[in-house]
């Protein structure tokens, strides 16, 4: 069983709260060493049924991300991944009666898992290509304040900043427990890597080239600790 160790930060934030302990894990979904059958074995019947509804790439992603989440939570709780008592509410997994909070995200070949104790958390990763975000201004999810700040940047900076804003908005909505149900124009980002949106602090998450990721948490996370540890294949076998 994978035993997870909490990382805490000893400094206090400018808002007077100690930095959050966090577990941040990543998965390389393209790694050919993953044994889907072994990973699926630790899922519930309902989780496997949902995974089986997807095309092969979606099925693979759903199995590996949920199995990875079970591995991480099992390490925290001191139980086998298959015995983690996950439930779902509106499609969102949760642990009844437990203060653990967690969030998952996947895009392309990268998946991220974030877990905190008693603190709201959301994580989001997006595959980034400059050409995919050039029309963002007309899509209705950036606020006027954001558009004005982005317009003040160089042409070379703007595409990645737009993708970062998207990841920040989605991470915040996950931390709030709402998810993206409509264009998130009312979630106004600072157009910087770090900052606050309401009561949630934003941090960039290091991910492979071609991806952008952000973490939102109820208190700041030590920048030295916002670097995901990779989950290797074989943890549920």
Protein backbone atom coordinates (compact mmCIF):
# COMPACT_ATOMS: atom_id res chain seq x y z
CA UNK A 1 0.00 0.00 0.00
CA UNK A 2 1.26 3.47 -0.91
CA UNK A 3 1.59 5.55 2.26
CA UNK A 4 1.03 9.24 1.57
CA UNK A 5 2.84 11.88 3.59
CA UNK A 6 1.38 15.32 4.01
CA UNK A 7 3.50 18.26 2.99
CA UNK A 8 2.95 21.31 5.17
CA UNK A 9 4.33 24.82 4.98
CA UNK A 10 5.65 26.63 7.99
CA UNK A 11 4.99 30.17 6.83
CA UNK A 12 1.82 32.20 7.16
CA UNK A 13 0.12 33.92 4.27
CA UNK A 14 -0.49 37.65 3.96
CA UNK A 15 -4.05 36.91 5.06
CA UNK A 16 -2.86 35.34 8.28
CA UNK A 17 -3.52 31.67 7.48
CA UNK A 18 -0.86 28.99 7.52
CA UNK A 19 -0.07 27.51 4.12
CA UNK A 20 -2.05 24.38 3.34
CA UNK A 21 -0.77 20.83 3.57
CA UNK A 22 -1.42 19.25 0.19
CA UNK A 23 -0.89 16.04 -1.69
CA UNK A 24 -0.41 16.71 -5.38
CA UNK A 25 0.07 13.76 -7.70
CA UNK A 26 0.35 13.37 -11.46
CA UNK A 27 -0.23 10.51 -13.88
CA UNK A 28 1.21 9.99 -17.35
CA UNK A 29 -1.82 8.48 -19.07
CA UNK A 30 0.24 7.52 -22.11
CA UNK A 31 2.64 5.28 -20.16
CA UNK A 32 2.36 1.83 -21.74
CA UNK A 33 3.22 0.14 -18.46
CA UNK A 34 -0.26 0.77 -17.08
CA UNK A 35 -2.21 -2.47 -16.70
CA UNK A 36 -5.81 -1.35 -17.19
CA UNK A 37 -7.26 -4.61 -15.90
CA UNK A 38 -5.22 -4.38 -12.69
CA UNK A 39 -6.11 -0.71 -12.17
CA UNK A 40 -9.80 -1.36 -12.87
CA UNK A 41 -9.81 -4.13 -10.26
CA UNK A 42 -9.72 -1.55 -7.44
CA UNK A 43 -12.72 0.37 -8.80
CA UNK A 44 -16.30 -0.13 -7.71
CA UNK A 45 -18.79 -1.77 -10.06
CA UNK A 46 -20.38 1.62 -10.73
CA UNK A 47 -16.99 3.19 -11.52
CA UNK A 48 -16.11 0.41 -13.93
CA UNK A 49 -19.54 0.67 -15.59
CA UNK A 50 -19.09 4.40 -16.10
CA UNK A 51 -15.60 3.89 -17.53
CA UNK A 52 -16.91 1.25 -19.93
CA UNK A 53 -19.38 3.75 -21.39
CA UNK A 54 -16.53 5.76 -22.93
CA UNK A 55 -14.56 5.23 -26.11
CA UNK A 56 -11.18 3.51 -25.50
CA UNK A 57 -9.28 6.72 -24.73
CA UNK A 58 -11.99 7.95 -22.35
CA UNK A 59 -12.27 4.54 -20.70
CA UNK A 60 -8.51 4.47 -20.13
CA UNK A 61 -8.54 7.96 -18.63
CA UNK A 62 -11.48 7.24 -16.33
CA UNK A 63 -9.94 4.02 -15.03
CA UNK A 64 -6.47 5.45 -14.43
CA UNK A 65 -7.64 8.68 -12.82
CA UNK A 66 -10.12 7.02 -10.48
CA UNK A 67 -7.66 4.24 -9.60
CA UNK A 68 -5.01 6.89 -8.94
CA UNK A 69 -7.38 8.78 -6.67
CA UNK A 70 -8.14 5.60 -4.76
CA UNK A 71 -4.41 4.92 -4.35
CA UNK A 72 -3.75 8.38 -2.93
CA UNK A 73 -6.76 8.37 -0.61
CA UNK A 74 -5.99 4.82 0.47
CA UNK A 75 -2.49 5.93 1.44
CA UNK A 76 -3.89 8.75 3.56
CA UNK A 77 -6.58 6.62 5.19
CA UNK A 78 -4.36 3.57 5.68
CA UNK A 79 -6.57 1.28 3.62
CA UNK A 80 -6.42 -0.61 0.35
CA UNK A 81 -7.47 1.41 -2.73
CA UNK A 82 -10.46 -0.87 -3.33
CA UNK A 83 -11.69 -0.26 0.23
CA UNK A 84 -11.76 3.53 0.04
CA UNK A 85 -15.46 4.37 0.64
CA UNK A 86 -15.88 6.79 -2.26
CA UNK A 87 -19.40 8.01 -3.06
CA UNK A 88 -20.60 10.32 -5.81
CA UNK A 89 -22.92 13.32 -5.77
CA UNK A 90 -23.83 14.77 -9.13
CA UNK A 91 -20.87 12.95 -10.64
CA UNK A 92 -18.40 14.35 -8.06
CA UNK A 93 -16.65 11.81 -5.80
CA UNK A 94 -16.55 12.44 -2.06
CA UNK A 95 -15.82 10.65 1.21
CA UNK A 96 -18.84 10.71 3.54
CA UNK A 97 -18.05 11.99 7.01
CA UNK A 98 -14.40 12.77 6.27
CA UNK A 99 -12.62 16.13 6.19
CA UNK A 100 -10.50 15.16 3.19
CA UNK A 101 -11.12 17.31 0.14
CA UNK A 102 -9.85 16.37 -3.29
CA UNK A 103 -9.97 17.28 -6.95
CA UNK A 104 -9.01 15.59 -10.22
CA UNK A 105 -8.30 16.83 -13.72
CA UNK A 106 -7.07 15.29 -16.97
CA UNK A 107 -6.23 16.63 -20.40
CA UNK A 108 -4.43 14.83 -23.17
CA UNK A 109 -1.84 12.55 -21.55
CA UNK A 110 -1.64 14.38 -18.20
CA UNK A 111 -3.79 13.87 -15.11
CA UNK A 112 -3.52 15.63 -11.75
CA UNK A 113 -4.88 14.72 -8.32
CA UNK A 114 -4.96 17.14 -5.38
CA UNK A 115 -5.90 16.23 -1.79
CA UNK A 116 -6.13 18.47 1.28
CA UNK A 117 -7.53 17.98 4.77
CA UNK A 118 -10.34 20.32 5.77
CA UNK A 119 -9.52 22.88 3.08
CA UNK A 120 -11.32 23.54 -0.22
CA UNK A 121 -9.22 22.50 -3.21
CA UNK A 122 -9.53 22.40 -6.97
CA UNK A 123 -7.02 21.53 -9.68
CA UNK A 124 -7.22 21.86 -13.44
CA UNK A 125 -4.89 21.02 -16.32
CA UNK A 126 -5.35 21.94 -19.96
CA UNK A 127 -3.50 20.94 -23.09
CA UNK A 128 -2.27 24.18 -24.64
CA UNK A 129 -1.76 25.19 -28.25
CA UNK A 130 -1.50 28.86 -29.18
CA UNK A 131 -3.88 28.50 -32.11
CA UNK A 132 -6.62 27.01 -29.93
CA UNK A 133 -7.02 30.11 -27.75
CA UNK A 134 -6.84 32.96 -30.25
CA UNK A 135 -10.64 33.19 -30.40
CA UNK A 136 -11.11 33.18 -26.61
CA UNK A 137 -12.13 36.84 -26.51
CA UNK A 138 -15.31 36.01 -28.39
CA UNK A 139 -16.25 32.91 -26.42
CA UNK A 140 -17.79 34.77 -23.48
CA UNK A 141 -15.84 33.29 -20.56
CA UNK A 142 -13.29 36.08 -20.03
CA UNK A 143 -14.42 39.15 -18.08
CA UNK A 144 -13.83 42.65 -19.41
CA UNK A 145 -11.18 43.23 -16.71
CA UNK A 146 -9.30 40.13 -17.82
CA UNK A 147 -9.51 41.04 -21.49
CA UNK A 148 -8.10 44.50 -20.72
CA UNK A 149 -5.15 43.05 -18.79
CA UNK A 150 -4.46 40.44 -21.45
CA UNK A 151 -4.54 43.11 -24.16
CA UNK A 152 -1.68 44.85 -22.34
CA UNK A 153 0.59 41.83 -22.72
CA UNK A 154 2.80 41.05 -25.68
CA UNK A 155 1.32 38.94 -28.47
CA UNK A 156 3.64 36.09 -27.55
CA UNK A 157 2.49 36.04 -23.92
CA UNK A 158 -1.24 36.17 -24.47
CA UNK A 159 -2.10 32.58 -25.57
CA UNK A 160 -0.55 30.87 -22.52
CA UNK A 161 -2.04 33.49 -20.20
CA UNK A 162 -5.50 32.81 -21.64
CA UNK A 163 -5.10 29.07 -21.04
CA UNK A 164 -3.87 29.76 -17.51
CA UNK A 165 -6.94 31.88 -16.86
CA UNK A 166 -9.10 28.97 -17.99
CA UNK A 167 -7.37 26.56 -15.63
CA UNK A 168 -7.68 29.02 -12.74
CA UNK A 169 -11.40 29.49 -13.32
CA UNK A 170 -12.06 25.75 -13.49
CA UNK A 171 -9.89 25.06 -10.43
CA UNK A 172 -11.84 27.69 -8.46
CA UNK A 173 -15.21 26.27 -9.53
CA UNK A 174 -14.08 22.78 -8.52
CA UNK A 175 -12.94 24.07 -5.13
CA UNK A 176 -16.34 25.71 -4.68
CA UNK A 177 -18.03 22.43 -5.55
CA UNK A 178 -20.01 23.82 -8.47
CA UNK A 179 -18.06 22.80 -11.55
CA UNK A 180 -18.37 24.51 -14.91
CA UNK A 181 -22.08 24.64 -15.67
CA UNK A 182 -21.99 27.85 -17.70
CA UNK A 183 -19.33 30.21 -19.09
CA UNK A 184 -17.32 31.27 -15.99
CA UNK A 185 -17.17 34.96 -16.89
CA UNK A 186 -18.02 35.92 -13.29
CA UNK A 187 -14.89 34.17 -11.97
CA UNK A 188 -12.38 36.95 -12.56
CA UNK A 189 -8.74 35.84 -12.49
CA UNK A 190 -5.80 38.10 -11.56
CA UNK A 191 -4.11 37.39 -14.95
CA UNK A 192 -1.02 36.38 -12.99
CA UNK A 193 0.30 32.97 -11.94
CA UNK A 194 -0.55 33.53 -8.28
CA UNK A 195 -3.23 35.51 -6.54
CA UNK A 196 -6.66 35.33 -4.95
CA UNK A 197 -10.15 34.83 -6.29
CA UNK A 198 -12.39 35.51 -3.33
CA UNK A 199 -11.28 33.20 -0.51
CA UNK A 200 -9.29 30.89 -2.80
CA UNK A 201 -5.58 31.18 -3.45
CA UNK A 202 -4.19 30.32 -6.88
CA UNK A 203 -0.88 28.61 -7.61
CA UNK A 204 0.65 27.40 -10.88
CA UNK A 205 1.34 23.67 -11.08
CA UNK A 206 4.43 22.46 -12.98
CA UNK A 207 3.36 20.18 -15.85
CA UNK A 208 5.01 18.97 -19.06
CA UNK A 209 5.57 21.35 -21.96
CA UNK A 210 2.38 21.88 -23.93
CA UNK A 211 0.19 21.91 -20.81
CA UNK A 212 -0.88 24.53 -18.27
CA UNK A 213 -2.24 23.75 -14.80
CA UNK A 214 -3.46 25.64 -11.74
CA UNK A 215 -4.34 24.83 -8.13
CA UNK A 216 -6.96 26.68 -6.07
CA UNK A 217 -7.01 26.18 -2.29
CA UNK A 218 -8.59 27.81 0.74
CA UNK A 219 -5.19 28.97 1.99
CA UNK A 220 -1.88 29.34 0.13
CA UNK A 221 0.26 26.33 -0.64
CA UNK A 222 4.02 26.61 -0.25
CA UNK A 223 5.38 27.26 -3.78
CA UNK A 224 8.12 24.69 -3.16
CA UNK A 225 5.47 22.01 -2.68
CA UNK A 226 3.32 22.70 -5.74
CA UNK A 227 5.24 20.17 -7.79
CA UNK A 228 3.32 16.94 -8.40
CA UNK A 229 4.84 13.59 -7.50
CA UNK A 230 4.28 11.10 -10.31
CA UNK A 231 2.25 7.99 -9.59
CA UNK A 232 3.92 5.02 -11.18
CA UNK A 233 2.03 2.09 -12.75
CA UNK A 234 1.25 -0.93 -10.64
CA UNK A 235 -0.17 0.57 -7.47
CA UNK A 236 -3.50 -1.26 -7.65
CA UNK A 237 -2.15 -4.55 -8.85
